[in-house]
Protein backbone atom coordinates (compact mmCIF):
# COMPACT_ATOMS: atom_id res chain seq x y z
CA MET A 1 204.12 -63.97 109.05
CA GLU A 2 201.90 -66.96 108.33
CA LYS A 3 198.59 -66.37 106.60
CA MET A 4 195.51 -68.47 105.90
CA LEU A 5 191.99 -68.14 104.52
CA HIS A 6 188.91 -68.67 106.67
CA GLN A 7 185.63 -69.36 104.87
CA LEU A 8 182.84 -67.02 105.94
CA GLU A 9 180.02 -67.93 103.58
CA SER A 10 179.02 -69.78 100.44
CA PHE A 11 176.06 -69.19 98.16
CA SER A 12 174.73 -69.93 94.68
CA ALA A 13 174.85 -67.25 92.02
CA ARG A 14 173.40 -67.09 88.53
CA GLY A 15 175.81 -65.93 85.83
CA SER A 16 174.95 -63.69 82.90
CA ASP A 17 175.99 -66.71 80.80
CA GLY A 18 173.02 -68.69 82.22
CA ASN A 19 175.14 -70.99 84.41
CA THR A 20 174.80 -71.40 88.17
CA TYR A 21 177.97 -71.03 90.24
CA VAL A 22 178.93 -71.66 93.86
CA VAL A 23 180.66 -68.58 95.33
CA ARG A 24 182.70 -68.77 98.54
CA GLY A 25 183.65 -65.76 100.66
CA TYR A 26 186.86 -65.82 102.70
CA GLU A 27 188.64 -63.57 105.15
CA HIS A 28 192.43 -63.44 105.37
CA LEU A 29 193.88 -64.32 108.77
CA ALA A 30 197.44 -63.82 110.01
CA ARG A 31 199.14 -65.67 112.86
CA LEU A 32 200.39 -63.37 115.57
CA ASP A 33 204.17 -63.77 115.84
CA ALA A 34 204.19 -62.92 119.53
CA VAL A 35 202.20 -66.06 120.43
CA ARG A 36 204.38 -69.17 120.20
CA ASP A 37 202.04 -71.98 121.22
CA VAL A 38 201.15 -74.99 119.08
CA GLN A 39 197.77 -73.71 117.87
CA GLY A 40 198.79 -70.07 117.72
CA GLN A 41 196.45 -67.12 117.60
CA TRP A 42 194.99 -66.06 114.28
CA GLU A 43 193.67 -62.54 113.72
CA PRO A 44 191.67 -61.07 110.81
CA THR A 45 193.68 -58.79 108.53
CA GLY A 46 190.68 -56.84 107.23
CA VAL A 47 191.09 -58.34 103.74
CA SER A 48 188.41 -60.54 102.20
CA GLU A 49 188.01 -62.27 98.86
CA TYR A 50 185.49 -64.28 96.89
CA LYS A 51 186.19 -67.29 94.69
CA LEU A 52 184.20 -69.75 92.67
CA ASP A 53 184.12 -73.37 93.76
CA ASP A 54 186.69 -74.12 91.03
CA GLY A 55 189.11 -71.49 92.41
CA ARG A 56 188.54 -68.68 89.91
CA ARG A 57 188.53 -65.20 91.46
CA VAL A 58 185.29 -63.24 91.80
CA GLU A 59 185.54 -59.46 91.68
CA VAL A 60 183.16 -57.48 93.90
CA ALA A 61 182.57 -53.82 93.01
CA ARG A 62 181.87 -51.09 95.58
CA ASP A 63 178.17 -51.28 94.72
CA GLY A 64 178.17 -55.03 95.49
CA THR A 65 177.94 -56.29 91.92
CA MET A 66 179.99 -59.41 91.28
CA SER A 67 181.71 -60.78 88.20
CA ILE A 68 184.06 -63.62 87.36
CA ALA A 69 187.52 -62.07 86.93
CA ASP A 70 188.78 -61.70 83.35
CA THR A 71 185.60 -63.13 81.79
CA GLY A 72 182.97 -60.36 81.87
CA VAL A 73 180.43 -62.82 83.33
CA ARG A 74 178.32 -60.97 85.89
CA LEU A 75 176.96 -62.86 88.89
CA GLU A 76 173.77 -62.33 90.85
CA ARG A 77 173.22 -64.02 94.20
CA GLU A 78 170.28 -66.41 93.98
CA LYS A 79 167.42 -65.73 96.35
CA ARG A 80 166.74 -68.37 99.00
CA PRO A 81 163.29 -69.93 98.84
CA ALA A 82 160.90 -68.55 101.48
CA ALA A 83 160.50 -71.99 103.10
CA ALA A 84 164.25 -72.41 103.54
CA ALA A 85 164.62 -68.91 104.97
CA SER A 86 161.90 -69.53 107.56
CA GLU A 87 163.60 -72.74 108.79
CA ARG A 88 166.53 -70.79 110.25
C-alpha cells in the first residue's frame, strides 16, 4: 500500500528555549489498492503527525501540549494578532 503525507496546517510556536519555530501538521493518506487509475484515490488513515520546518518530530500530548522530540523543549502556539484574525 502506498502512503503519503498531506499538510493540514502550519503555525509559529515559541519554544521554552526562547526560539520561534514553524510547526507543520500532516495527516497520513493511503492509496486505495482497488482503484487503478493514474491519479488513484487517497484516503485518510486516521493518523496525524507534527514536524518542525527542519523535519524534527514534534510530540503532542493528550492535553495538547507540544514538545520537540528528544530535546525537552516545550512549544506554545503563538497567538495570531487581532488584525490578522479579523481579515479572514
